[in-house]
Amino acid sequence: MKRYMAGIIAVTLLSACSSAGKLRDTVPTAVYVGSSSASDVISCVSNAWATKHFQIDTVPLPSGTSLQLRENDSGPVLALVDVTPTAGGTTTAKYYSQMPDDDTWFFQQVKSCM
């Protein structure tokens, strides 16, 4: 039984990665550059998004951090923002979405945190 549960968990985690990867293969909904630090942007966006009824996962990236939004543990990534520090002391945030409804509020939170 434990072996089956481990398999189910592994498949769920792999599908989450592919869901985010597929989303990154699309054109970003919005791209912002600002002077706030990457960690401040991640904290600010996470706090704002936490006021909605979605699950938020913080995922480290080789060059920054990603916040990924889902309806539940097993659901696909509906939106994500990749936040990376850039040369010159600026931070870039790329917001991607496949929300079924209007997601303006979510990317406006990213913009306001920059």
PDB file of N, CA and C in Angstrom:
ATOM      1  N   MET A   1       0.823  -1.196   0.000  1.00  0.00           N
ATOM      2  CA  MET A   1       0.000   0.000   0.000  1.00  0.00           C
ATOM      3  C   MET A   1       0.869   1.263   0.000  1.00  0.00           C
ATOM      4  N   LYS A   2       1.948   1.238   0.814  1.00  0.00           N
ATOM      5  CA  LYS A   2       2.831   2.399   0.868  1.00  0.00           C
ATOM      6  C   LYS A   2       3.477   2.656  -0.487  1.00  0.00           C
ATOM      7  N   ARG A   3       3.795   1.572  -1.208  1.00  0.00           N
ATOM      8  CA  ARG A   3       4.421   1.718  -2.511  1.00  0.00           C
ATOM      9  C   ARG A   3       3.463   2.415  -3.477  1.00  0.00           C
ATOM     10  N   TYR A   4       2.184   2.064  -3.416  1.00  0.00           N
ATOM     11  CA  TYR A   4       1.200   2.691  -4.295  1.00  0.00           C
ATOM     12  C   TYR A   4       1.011   4.164  -3.956  1.00  0.00           C
ATOM     13  N   MET A   5       0.985   4.478  -2.665  1.00  0.00           N
ATOM     14  CA  MET A   5       0.845   5.877  -2.251  1.00  0.00           C
ATOM     15  C   MET A   5       2.049   6.693  -2.714  1.00  0.00           C
ATOM     16  N   ALA A   6       3.238   6.115  -2.592  1.00  0.00           N
ATOM     17  CA  ALA A   6       4.444   6.815  -3.055  1.00  0.00           C
ATOM     18  C   ALA A   6       4.361   7.067  -4.555  1.00  0.00           C
ATOM     19  N   GLY A   7       3.848   6.098  -5.297  1.00  0.00           N
ATOM     20  CA  GLY A   7       3.684   6.264  -6.744  1.00  0.00           C
ATOM     21  C   GLY A   7       2.688   7.352  -7.082  1.00  0.00           C
ATOM     22  N   ILE A   8       1.586   7.387  -6.365  1.00  0.00           N
ATOM     23  CA  ILE A   8       0.562   8.410  -6.605  1.00  0.00           C
ATOM     24  C   ILE A   8       1.122   9.795  -6.299  1.00  0.00           C
ATOM     25  N   ILE A   9       1.849   9.915  -5.203  1.00  0.00           N
ATOM     26  CA  ILE A   9       2.446  11.205  -4.841  1.00  0.00           C
ATOM     27  C   ILE A   9       3.459  11.635  -5.892  1.00  0.00           C
ATOM     28  N   ALA A  10       4.281  10.710  -6.361  1.00  0.00           N
ATOM     29  CA  ALA A  10       5.286  11.043  -7.383  1.00  0.00           C
ATOM     30  C   ALA A  10       4.626  11.509  -8.672  1.00  0.00           C
ATOM     31  N   VAL A  11       3.568  10.825  -9.093  1.00  0.00           N
ATOM     32  CA  VAL A  11       2.861  11.221 -10.316  1.00  0.00           C
ATOM     33  C   VAL A  11       2.247  12.598 -10.149  1.00  0.00           C
ATOM     34  N   THR A  12       1.674  12.868  -8.988  1.00  0.00           N
ATOM     35  CA  THR A  12       1.080  14.180  -8.728  1.00  0.00           C
ATOM     36  C   THR A  12       2.134  15.278  -8.800  1.00  0.00           C
ATOM     37  N   LEU A  13       3.283  15.047  -8.186  1.00  0.00           N
ATOM     38  CA  LEU A  13       4.348  16.051  -8.215  1.00  0.00           C
ATOM     39  C   LEU A  13       4.878  16.260  -9.625  1.00  0.00           C
ATOM     40  N   LEU A  14       5.040  15.192 -10.373  1.00  0.00           N
ATOM     41  CA  LEU A  14       5.524  15.322 -11.751  1.00  0.00           C
ATOM     42  C   LEU A  14       4.514  16.037 -12.632  1.00  0.00           C
ATOM     43  N   SER A  15       3.234  15.765 -12.431  1.00  0.00           N
ATOM     44  CA  SER A  15       2.225  16.454 -13.244  1.00  0.00           C
ATOM     45  C   SER A  15       2.181  17.936 -12.901  1.00  0.00           C
ATOM     46  N   ALA A  16       2.451  18.275 -11.646  1.00  0.00           N
ATOM     47  CA  ALA A  16       2.500  19.689 -11.267  1.00  0.00           C
ATOM     48  C   ALA A  16       3.637  20.386 -11.989  1.00  0.00           C
ATOM     49  N   CYS A  17       4.784  19.723 -12.068  1.00  0.00           N
ATOM     50  CA  CYS A  17       5.929  20.319 -12.772  1.00  0.00           C
ATOM     51  C   CYS A  17       5.624  20.499 -14.244  1.00  0.00           C
ATOM     52  N   SER A  18       5.008  19.488 -14.856  1.00  0.00           N
ATOM     53  CA  SER A  18       4.720  19.606 -16.286  1.00  0.00           C
ATOM     54  C   SER A  18       3.649  20.655 -16.535  1.00  0.00           C
ATOM     55  N   SER A  19       2.711  20.799 -15.605  1.00  0.00           N
ATOM     56  CA  SER A  19       1.677  21.819 -15.741  1.00  0.00           C
ATOM     57  C   SER A  19       2.301  23.212 -15.734  1.00  0.00           C
ATOM     58  N   ALA A  20       3.219  23.452 -14.812  1.00  0.00           N
ATOM     59  CA  ALA A  20       3.900  24.748 -14.750  1.00  0.00           C
ATOM     60  C   ALA A  20       4.792  24.934 -15.966  1.00  0.00           C
ATOM     61  N   GLY A  21       5.462  23.866 -16.381  1.00  0.00           N
ATOM     62  CA  GLY A  21       6.328  23.943 -17.554  1.00  0.00           C
ATOM     63  C   GLY A  21       5.561  24.283 -18.819  1.00  0.00           C
ATOM     64  N   LYS A  22       4.400  23.667 -18.979  1.00  0.00           N
ATOM     65  CA  LYS A  22       3.564  23.964 -20.153  1.00  0.00           C
ATOM     66  C   LYS A  22       3.089  25.409 -20.123  1.00  0.00           C
ATOM     67  N   LEU A  23       2.772  25.884 -18.945  1.00  0.00           N
ATOM     68  CA  LEU A  23       2.324  27.267 -18.808  1.00  0.00           C
ATOM     69  C   LEU A  23       3.450  28.230 -19.182  1.00  0.00           C
ATOM     70  N   ARG A  24       4.667  27.899 -18.786  1.00  0.00           N
ATOM     71  CA  ARG A  24       5.820  28.747 -19.133  1.00  0.00           C
ATOM     72  C   ARG A  24       6.116  28.737 -20.634  1.00  0.00           C
ATOM     73  N   ASP A  25       5.635  27.733 -21.346  1.00  0.00           N
ATOM     74  CA  ASP A  25       5.834  27.679 -22.799  1.00  0.00           C
ATOM     75  C   ASP A  25       4.914  28.644 -23.543  1.00  0.00           C
ATOM     76  N   THR A  26       3.979  29.262 -22.824  1.00  0.00           N
ATOM     77  CA  THR A  26       3.068  30.229 -23.437  1.00  0.00           C
ATOM     78  C   THR A  26       3.635  31.640 -23.267  1.00  0.00           C
ATOM     79  N   VAL A  27       3.014  32.587 -23.922  1.00  0.00           N
ATOM     80  CA  VAL A  27       3.413  33.992 -23.775  1.00  0.00           C
ATOM     81  C   VAL A  27       2.943  34.480 -22.404  1.00  0.00           C
ATOM     82  N   PRO A  28       3.801  35.154 -21.638  1.00  0.00           N
ATOM     83  CA  PRO A  28       3.364  35.654 -20.331  1.00  0.00           C
ATOM     84  C   PRO A  28       2.185  36.620 -20.473  1.00  0.00           C
ATOM     85  N   THR A  29       1.278  36.561 -19.519  1.00  0.00           N
ATOM     86  CA  THR A  29       0.166  37.507 -19.473  1.00  0.00           C
ATOM     87  C   THR A  29       0.683  38.906 -19.181  1.00  0.00           C
ATOM     88  N   ALA A  30       1.696  38.984 -18.315  1.00  0.00           N
ATOM     89  CA  ALA A  30       2.271  40.280 -17.938  1.00  0.00           C
ATOM     90  C   ALA A  30       3.718  40.083 -17.510  1.00  0.00           C
ATOM     91  N   VAL A  31       4.533  41.083 -17.781  1.00  0.00           N
ATOM     92  CA  VAL A  31       5.930  41.099 -17.341  1.00  0.00           C
ATOM     93  C   VAL A  31       6.184  42.454 -16.696  1.00  0.00           C
ATOM     94  N   TYR A  32       6.740  42.427 -15.489  1.00  0.00           N
ATOM     95  CA  TYR A  32       7.010  43.658 -14.758  1.00  0.00           C
ATOM     96  C   TYR A  32       8.471  43.696 -14.329  1.00  0.00           C
ATOM     97  N   VAL A  33       9.046  44.876 -14.301  1.00  0.00           N
ATOM     98  CA  VAL A  33      10.394  45.094 -13.788  1.00  0.00           C
ATOM     99  C   VAL A  33      10.285  46.191 -12.739  1.00  0.00           C
ATOM    100  N   GLY A  34      10.884  45.958 -11.578  1.00  0.00           N
ATOM    101  CA  GLY A  34      10.799  46.947 -10.510  1.00  0.00           C
ATOM    102  C   GLY A  34      12.036  46.962  -9.647  1.00  0.00           C
ATOM    103  N   SER A  35      12.028  47.838  -8.667  1.00  0.00           N
ATOM    104  CA  SER A  35      13.195  48.019  -7.803  1.00  0.00           C
ATOM    105  C   SER A  35      13.104  47.248  -6.488  1.00  0.00           C
ATOM    106  N   SER A  36      11.958  46.635  -6.189  1.00  0.00           N
ATOM    107  CA  SER A  36      11.839  45.833  -4.963  1.00  0.00           C
ATOM    108  C   SER A  36      12.702  44.581  -5.095  1.00  0.00           C
ATOM    109  N   SER A  37      13.179  44.073  -3.970  1.00  0.00           N
ATOM    110  CA  SER A  37      13.978  42.843  -4.016  1.00  0.00           C
ATOM    111  C   SER A  37      13.079  41.663  -4.386  1.00  0.00           C
ATOM    112  N   ALA A  38      13.689  40.616  -4.931  1.00  0.00           N
ATOM    113  CA  ALA A  38      12.923  39.425  -5.313  1.00  0.00           C
ATOM    114  C   ALA A  38      12.212  38.827  -4.102  1.00  0.00           C
ATOM    115  N   SER A  39      12.885  38.770  -2.964  1.00  0.00           N
ATOM    116  CA  SER A  39      12.255  38.197  -1.769  1.00  0.00           C
ATOM    117  C   SER A  39      11.088  39.049  -1.286  1.00  0.00           C
ATOM    118  N   ASP A  40      11.200  40.371  -1.399  1.00  0.00           N
ATOM    119  CA  ASP A  40      10.084  41.244  -1.025  1.00  0.00           C
ATOM    120  C   ASP A  40       8.896  41.054  -1.962  1.00  0.00           C
ATOM    121  N   VAL A  41       9.164  40.894  -3.250  1.00  0.00           N
ATOM    122  CA  VAL A  41       8.083  40.683  -4.223  1.00  0.00           C
ATOM    123  C   VAL A  41       7.384  39.359  -3.937  1.00  0.00           C
ATOM    124  N   ILE A  42       8.152  38.299  -3.708  1.00  0.00           N
ATOM    125  CA  ILE A  42       7.560  36.986  -3.406  1.00  0.00           C
ATOM    126  C   ILE A  42       6.690  37.073  -2.158  1.00  0.00           C
ATOM    127  N   SER A  43       7.187  37.697  -1.116  1.00  0.00           N
ATOM    128  CA  SER A  43       6.431  37.834   0.131  1.00  0.00           C
ATOM    129  C   SER A  43       5.152  38.635  -0.082  1.00  0.00           C
ATOM    130  N   CYS A  44       5.259  39.743  -0.777  1.00  0.00           N
ATOM    131  CA  CYS A  44       4.115  40.624  -1.029  1.00  0.00           C
ATOM    132  C   CYS A  44       3.038  39.918  -1.853  1.00  0.00           C
ATOM    133  N   VAL A  45       3.441  39.274  -2.948  1.00  0.00           N
ATOM    134  CA  VAL A  45       2.474  38.584  -3.814  1.00  0.00           C
ATOM    135  C   VAL A  45       1.840  37.417  -3.070  1.00  0.00           C
ATOM    136  N   SER A  46       2.651  36.662  -2.349  1.00  0.00           N
ATOM    137  CA  SER A  46       2.131  35.526  -1.591  1.00  0.00           C
ATOM    138  C   SER A  46       1.087  35.974  -0.574  1.00  0.00           C
ATOM    139  N   ASN A  47       1.366  37.046   0.141  1.00  0.00           N
ATOM    140  CA  ASN A  47       0.404  37.573   1.121  1.00  0.00           C
ATOM    141  C   ASN A  47      -0.882  38.039   0.453  1.00  0.00           C
ATOM    142  N   ALA A  48      -0.768  38.682  -0.694  1.00  0.00           N
ATOM    143  CA  ALA A  48      -1.961  39.151  -1.407  1.00  0.00           C
ATOM    144  C   ALA A  48      -2.780  37.972  -1.921  1.00  0.00           C
ATOM    145  N   TRP A  49      -2.114  37.039  -2.598  1.00  0.00           N
ATOM    146  CA  TRP A  49      -2.822  35.886  -3.159  1.00  0.00           C
ATOM    147  C   TRP A  49      -3.447  35.012  -2.080  1.00  0.00           C
ATOM    148  N   ALA A  50      -2.852  35.004  -0.877  1.00  0.00           N
ATOM    149  CA  ALA A  50      -3.370  34.176   0.217  1.00  0.00           C
ATOM    150  C   ALA A  50      -4.747  34.624   0.687  1.00  0.00           C
ATOM    151  N   THR A  51      -5.181  35.808   0.297  1.00  0.00           N
ATOM    152  CA  THR A  51      -6.514  36.275   0.683  1.00  0.00           C
ATOM    153  C   THR A  51      -7.607  35.608  -0.150  1.00  0.00           C
ATOM    154  N   LYS A  52      -7.222  34.909  -1.201  1.00  0.00           N
ATOM    155  CA  LYS A  52      -8.174  34.181  -2.053  1.00  0.00           C
ATOM    156  C   LYS A  52      -8.129  32.701  -1.679  1.00  0.00           C
ATOM    157  N   HIS A  53      -9.126  31.964  -2.123  1.00  0.00           N
ATOM    158  CA  HIS A  53      -9.235  30.549  -1.763  1.00  0.00           C
ATOM    159  C   HIS A  53      -8.540  29.654  -2.783  1.00  0.00           C
ATOM    160  N   PHE A  54      -7.230  29.799  -2.866  1.00  0.00           N
ATOM    161  CA  PHE A  54      -6.410  28.978  -3.742  1.00  0.00           C
ATOM    162  C   PHE A  54      -5.221  28.472  -2.945  1.00  0.00           C
ATOM    163  N   GLN A  55      -4.636  27.397  -3.426  1.00  0.00           N
ATOM    164  CA  GLN A  55      -3.396  26.902  -2.829  1.00  0.00           C
ATOM    165  C   GLN A  55      -2.234  27.604  -3.514  1.00  0.00           C
ATOM    166  N   ILE A  56      -1.263  28.039  -2.736  1.00  0.00           N
ATOM    167  CA  ILE A  56      -0.075  28.707  -3.269  1.00  0.00           C
ATOM    168  C   ILE A  56       1.142  27.857  -2.924  1.00  0.00           C
ATOM    169  N   ASP A  57       1.906  27.498  -3.939  1.00  0.00           N
ATOM    170  CA  ASP A  57       3.145  26.759  -3.736  1.00  0.00           C
ATOM    171  C   ASP A  57       4.317  27.667  -4.086  1.00  0.00           C
ATOM    172  N   THR A  58       5.320  27.691  -3.231  1.00  0.00           N
ATOM    173  CA  THR A  58       6.554  28.425  -3.502  1.00  0.00           C
ATOM    174  C   THR A  58       7.575  27.416  -4.000  1.00  0.00           C
ATOM    175  N   VAL A  59       8.064  27.637  -5.219  1.00  0.00           N
ATOM    176  CA  VAL A  59       8.971  26.685  -5.857  1.00  0.00           C
ATOM    177  C   VAL A  59      10.277  27.394  -6.214  1.00  0.00           C
ATOM    178  N   PRO A  60      11.406  26.912  -5.670  1.00  0.00           N
ATOM    179  CA  PRO A  60      12.684  27.528  -6.045  1.00  0.00           C
ATOM    180  C   PRO A  60      13.028  27.220  -7.500  1.00  0.00           C
ATOM    181  N   LEU A  61      13.581  28.199  -8.180  1.00  0.00           N
ATOM    182  CA  LEU A  61      14.040  28.053  -9.559  1.00  0.00           C
ATOM    183  C   LEU A  61      15.550  28.276  -9.582  1.00  0.00           C
ATOM    184  N   PRO A  62      16.235  27.821 -10.622  1.00  0.00           N
ATOM    185  CA  PRO A  62      17.680  28.058 -10.695  1.00  0.00           C
ATOM    186  C   PRO A  62      18.047  29.543 -10.611  1.00  0.00           C
ATOM    187  N   SER A  63      17.180  30.400 -11.139  1.00  0.00           N
ATOM    188  CA  SER A  63      17.512  31.831 -11.162  1.00  0.00           C
ATOM    189  C   SER A  63      16.583  32.691 -10.310  1.00  0.00           C
ATOM    190  N   GLY A  64      15.700  32.080  -9.531  1.00  0.00           N
ATOM    191  CA  GLY A  64      14.772  32.871  -8.732  1.00  0.00           C
ATOM    192  C   GLY A  64      13.782  31.993  -7.988  1.00  0.00           C
ATOM    193  N   THR A  65      12.544  32.462  -7.911  1.00  0.00           N
ATOM    194  CA  THR A  65      11.486  31.757  -7.190  1.00  0.00           C
ATOM    195  C   THR A  65      10.187  31.876  -7.972  1.00  0.00           C
ATOM    196  N   SER A  66       9.379  30.820  -7.905  1.00  0.00           N
ATOM    197  CA  SER A  66       8.077  30.819  -8.564  1.00  0.00           C
ATOM    198  C   SER A  66       6.981  30.643  -7.522  1.00  0.00           C
ATOM    199  N   LEU A  67       5.921  31.422  -7.643  1.00  0.00           N
ATOM    200  CA  LEU A  67       4.699  31.201  -6.868  1.00  0.00           C
ATOM    201  C   LEU A  67       3.694  30.590  -7.826  1.00  0.00           C
ATOM    202  N   GLN A  68       3.125  29.447  -7.431  1.00  0.00           N
ATOM    203  CA  GLN A  68       2.204  28.734  -8.304  1.00  0.00           C
ATOM    204  C   GLN A  68       0.857  28.593  -7.622  1.00  0.00           C
ATOM    205  N   LEU A  69      -0.178  28.934  -8.350  1.00  0.00           N
ATOM    206  CA  LEU A  69      -1.537  28.998  -7.826  1.00  0.00           C
ATOM    207  C   LEU A  69      -2.354  27.832  -8.363  1.00  0.00           C
ATOM    208  N   ARG A  70      -3.021  27.108  -7.456  1.00  0.00           N
ATOM    209  CA  ARG A  70      -3.902  25.993  -7.835  1.00  0.00           C
ATOM    210  C   ARG A  70      -5.185  26.052  -7.014  1.00  0.00           C
ATOM    211  N   GLU A  71      -6.207  25.385  -7.524  1.00  0.00           N
ATOM    212  CA  GLU A  71      -7.451  25.310  -6.752  1.00  0.00           C
ATOM    213  C   GLU A  71      -7.305  24.364  -5.569  1.00  0.00           C
ATOM    214  N   ASN A  72      -6.524  23.274  -5.745  1.00  0.00           N
ATOM    215  CA  ASN A  72      -6.325  22.288  -4.684  1.00  0.00           C
ATOM    216  C   ASN A  72      -5.016  21.538  -4.930  1.00  0.00           C
ATOM    217  N   ASP A  73      -4.690  20.618  -4.013  1.00  0.00           N
ATOM    218  CA  ASP A  73      -3.421  19.876  -4.096  1.00  0.00           C
ATOM    219  C   ASP A  73      -3.218  19.156  -5.417  1.00  0.00           C
ATOM    220  N   SER A  74      -4.267  18.560  -5.928  1.00  0.00           N
ATOM    221  CA  SER A  74      -4.120  17.733  -7.127  1.00  0.00           C
ATOM    222  C   SER A  74      -4.470  18.473  -8.419  1.00  0.00           C
ATOM    223  N   GLY A  75      -4.876  19.714  -8.311  1.00  0.00           N
ATOM    224  CA  GLY A  75      -5.268  20.468  -9.498  1.00  0.00           C
ATOM    225  C   GLY A  75      -4.078  21.005 -10.272  1.00  0.00           C
ATOM    226  N   PRO A  76      -4.317  21.380 -11.510  1.00  0.00           N
ATOM    227  CA  PRO A  76      -3.241  21.948 -12.331  1.00  0.00           C
ATOM    228  C   PRO A  76      -2.883  23.360 -11.863  1.00  0.00           C
ATOM    229  N   VAL A  77      -1.723  23.805 -12.257  1.00  0.00           N
ATOM    230  CA  VAL A  77      -1.317  25.182 -11.975  1.00  0.00           C
ATOM    231  C   VAL A  77      -2.186  26.092 -12.837  1.00  0.00           C
ATOM    232  N   LEU A  78      -2.923  26.999 -12.198  1.00  0.00           N
ATOM    233  CA  LEU A  78      -3.801  27.924 -12.921  1.00  0.00           C
ATOM    234  C   LEU A  78      -3.083  29.213 -13.287  1.00  0.00           C
ATOM    235  N   ALA A  79      -2.153  29.607 -12.434  1.00  0.00           N
ATOM    236  CA  ALA A  79      -1.374  30.820 -12.688  1.00  0.00           C
ATOM    237  C   ALA A  79      -0.071  30.693 -11.923  1.00  0.00           C
ATOM    238  N   LEU A  80       0.936  31.388 -12.411  1.00  0.00           N
ATOM    239  CA  LEU A  80       2.206  31.411 -11.697  1.00  0.00           C
ATOM    240  C   LEU A  80       2.922  32.711 -12.000  1.00  0.00           C
ATOM    241  N   VAL A  81       3.800  33.073 -11.093  1.00  0.00           N
ATOM    242  CA  VAL A  81       4.675  34.220 -11.320  1.00  0.00           C
ATOM    243  C   VAL A  81       6.092  33.773 -11.001  1.00  0.00           C
ATOM    244  N   ASP A  82       6.984  33.964 -11.960  1.00  0.00           N
ATOM    245  CA  ASP A  82       8.402  33.684 -11.773  1.00  0.00           C
ATOM    246  C   ASP A  82       9.097  35.004 -11.465  1.00  0.00           C
ATOM    247  N   VAL A  83       9.726  35.070 -10.309  1.00  0.00           N
ATOM    248  CA  VAL A  83      10.380  36.303  -9.860  1.00  0.00           C
ATOM    249  C   VAL A  83      11.885  36.065  -9.833  1.00  0.00           C
ATOM    250  N   THR A  84      12.612  36.910 -10.559  1.00  0.00           N
ATOM    251  CA  THR A  84      14.064  36.758 -10.644  1.00  0.00           C
ATOM    252  C   THR A  84      14.761  38.101 -10.443  1.00  0.00           C
ATOM    253  N   PRO A  85      15.836  38.090  -9.660  1.00  0.00           N
ATOM    254  CA  PRO A  85      16.647  39.307  -9.570  1.00  0.00           C
ATOM    255  C   PRO A  85      17.433  39.455 -10.874  1.00  0.00           C
ATOM    256  N   THR A  86      17.620  40.681 -11.316  1.00  0.00           N
ATOM    257  CA  THR A  86      18.357  40.925 -12.552  1.00  0.00           C
ATOM    258  C   THR A  86      19.544  41.835 -12.275  1.00  0.00           C
ATOM    259  N   ALA A  87      20.429  41.908 -13.242  1.00  0.00           N
ATOM    260  CA  ALA A  87      21.608  42.769 -13.099  1.00  0.00           C
ATOM    261  C   ALA A  87      21.159  44.213 -12.898  1.00  0.00           C
ATOM    262  N   GLY A  88      21.915  44.937 -12.146  1.00  0.00           N
ATOM    263  CA  GLY A  88      21.578  46.335 -11.921  1.00  0.00           C
ATOM    264  C   GLY A  88      20.648  46.547 -10.749  1.00  0.00           C
ATOM    265  N   GLY A  89      20.362  45.481  -9.993  1.00  0.00           N
ATOM    266  CA  GLY A  89      19.551  45.634  -8.794  1.00  0.00           C
ATOM    267  C   GLY A  89      18.052  45.675  -9.014  1.00  0.00           C
ATOM    268  N   THR A  90      17.585  45.317 -10.197  1.00  0.00           N
ATOM    269  CA  THR A  90      16.144  45.281 -10.434  1.00  0.00           C
ATOM    270  C   THR A  90      15.636  43.846 -10.295  1.00  0.00           C
ATOM    271  N   THR A  91      14.335  43.710 -10.284  1.00  0.00           N
ATOM    272  CA  THR A  91      13.679  42.407 -10.196  1.00  0.00           C
ATOM    273  C   THR A  91      12.678  42.301 -11.337  1.00  0.00           C
ATOM    274  N   THR A  92      12.621  41.122 -11.956  1.00  0.00           N
ATOM    275  CA  THR A  92      11.658  40.864 -13.027  1.00  0.00           C
ATOM    276  C   THR A  92      10.639  39.847 -12.542  1.00  0.00           C
ATOM    277  N   ALA A  93       9.371  40.091 -12.840  1.00  0.00           N
ATOM    278  CA  ALA A  93       8.294  39.156 -12.522  1.00  0.00           C
ATOM    279  C   ALA A  93       7.539  38.844 -13.811  1.00  0.00           C
ATOM    280  N   LYS A  94       7.477  37.553 -14.155  1.00  0.00           N
ATOM    281  CA  LYS A  94       6.721  37.112 -15.329  1.00  0.00           C
ATOM    282  C   LYS A  94       5.512  36.334 -14.835  1.00  0.00           C
ATOM    283  N   TYR A  95       4.329  36.824 -15.199  1.00  0.00           N
ATOM    284  CA  TYR A  95       3.071  36.224 -14.765  1.00  0.00           C
ATOM    285  C   TYR A  95       2.463  35.455 -15.929  1.00  0.00           C
ATOM    286  N   TYR A  96       2.142  34.179 -15.691  1.00  0.00           N
ATOM    287  CA  TYR A  96       1.513  33.311 -16.690  1.00  0.00           C
ATOM    288  C   TYR A  96       0.181  32.829 -16.128  1.00  0.00           C
ATOM    289  N   SER A  97      -0.812  32.666 -16.996  1.00  0.00           N
ATOM    290  CA  SER A  97      -2.118  32.259 -16.494  1.00  0.00           C
ATOM    291  C   SER A  97      -2.872  31.385 -17.485  1.00  0.00           C
ATOM    292  N   GLN A  98      -3.616  30.454 -16.921  1.00  0.00           N
ATOM    293  CA  GLN A  98      -4.619  29.710 -17.665  1.00  0.00           C
ATOM    294  C   GLN A  98      -5.900  29.645 -16.820  1.00  0.00           C
ATOM    295  N   MET A  99      -6.162  30.753 -16.140  1.00  0.00           N
ATOM    296  CA  MET A  99      -7.351  30.860 -15.291  1.00  0.00           C
ATOM    297  C   MET A  99      -8.601  30.780 -16.163  1.00  0.00           C
ATOM    298  N   PRO A 100      -9.601  30.052 -15.702  1.00  0.00           N
ATOM    299  CA  PRO A 100     -10.841  29.984 -16.478  1.00  0.00           C
ATOM    300  C   PRO A 100     -11.654  31.284 -16.403  1.00  0.00           C
ATOM    301  N   ASP A 101     -11.385  32.087 -15.388  1.00  0.00           N
ATOM    302  CA  ASP A 101     -12.108  33.346 -15.201  1.00  0.00           C
ATOM    303  C   ASP A 101     -11.139  34.519 -15.309  1.00  0.00           C
ATOM    304  N   ASP A 102     -11.674  35.711 -15.201  1.00  0.00           N
ATOM    305  CA  ASP A 102     -10.854  36.925 -15.255  1.00  0.00           C
ATOM    306  C   ASP A 102      -9.818  36.898 -14.126  1.00  0.00           C
ATOM    307  N   ASP A 103      -8.563  37.052 -14.477  1.00  0.00           N
ATOM    308  CA  ASP A 103      -7.501  36.994 -13.480  1.00  0.00           C
ATOM    309  C   ASP A 103      -6.800  38.337 -13.289  1.00  0.00           C
ATOM    310  N   THR A 104      -7.450  39.403 -13.697  1.00  0.00           N
ATOM    311  CA  THR A 104      -6.851  40.731 -13.604  1.00  0.00           C
ATOM    312  C   THR A 104      -6.364  41.031 -12.191  1.00  0.00           C
ATOM    313  N   TRP A 105      -7.161  40.692 -11.193  1.00  0.00           N
ATOM    314  CA  TRP A 105      -6.787  40.974  -9.810  1.00  0.00           C
ATOM    315  C   TRP A 105      -5.434  40.354  -9.470  1.00  0.00           C
ATOM    316  N   PHE A 106      -5.185  39.128  -9.918  1.00  0.00           N
ATOM    317  CA  PHE A 106      -3.952  38.425  -9.572  1.00  0.00           C
ATOM    318  C   PHE A 106      -2.721  39.108 -10.156  1.00  0.00           C
ATOM    319  N   PHE A 107      -2.773  39.479 -11.440  1.00  0.00           N
ATOM    320  CA  PHE A 107      -1.566  40.110 -11.988  1.00  0.00           C
ATOM    321  C   PHE A 107      -1.437  41.561 -11.553  1.00  0.00           C
ATOM    322  N   GLN A 108      -2.532  42.199 -11.157  1.00  0.00           N
ATOM    323  CA  GLN A 108      -2.416  43.548 -10.592  1.00  0.00           C
ATOM    324  C   GLN A 108      -1.696  43.516  -9.242  1.00  0.00           C
ATOM    325  N   GLN A 109      -1.875  42.423  -8.502  1.00  0.00           N
ATOM    326  CA  GLN A 109      -1.156  42.284  -7.230  1.00  0.00           C
ATOM    327  C   GLN A 109       0.344  42.173  -7.478  1.00  0.00           C
ATOM    328  N   VAL A 110       0.713  41.440  -8.531  1.00  0.00           N
ATOM    329  CA  VAL A 110       2.135  41.336  -8.883  1.00  0.00           C
ATOM    330  C   VAL A 110       2.679  42.724  -9.208  1.00  0.00           C
ATOM    331  N   LYS A 111       1.947  43.459 -10.027  1.00  0.00           N
ATOM    332  CA  LYS A 111       2.383  44.809 -10.423  1.00  0.00           C
ATOM    333  C   LYS A 111       2.553  45.706  -9.201  1.00  0.00           C
ATOM    334  N   SER A 112       1.594  45.657  -8.284  1.00  0.00           N
ATOM    335  CA  SER A 112       1.658  46.548  -7.119  1.00  0.00           C
ATOM    336  C   SER A 112       2.791  46.170  -6.163  1.00  0.00           C
ATOM    337  N   CYS A 113       3.253  44.931  -6.223  1.00  0.00           N
ATOM    338  CA  CYS A 113       4.348  44.490  -5.346  1.00  0.00           C
ATOM    339  C   CYS A 113       5.727  44.810  -5.915  1.00  0.00           C
ATOM    340  N   MET A 114       5.781  45.233  -7.153  1.00  0.00           N
ATOM    341  CA  MET A 114       7.073  45.494  -7.796  1.00  0.00           C
ATOM    342  C   MET A 114       7.657  46.812  -7.329  1.00  0.00           C
TER     343      MET A 114
END
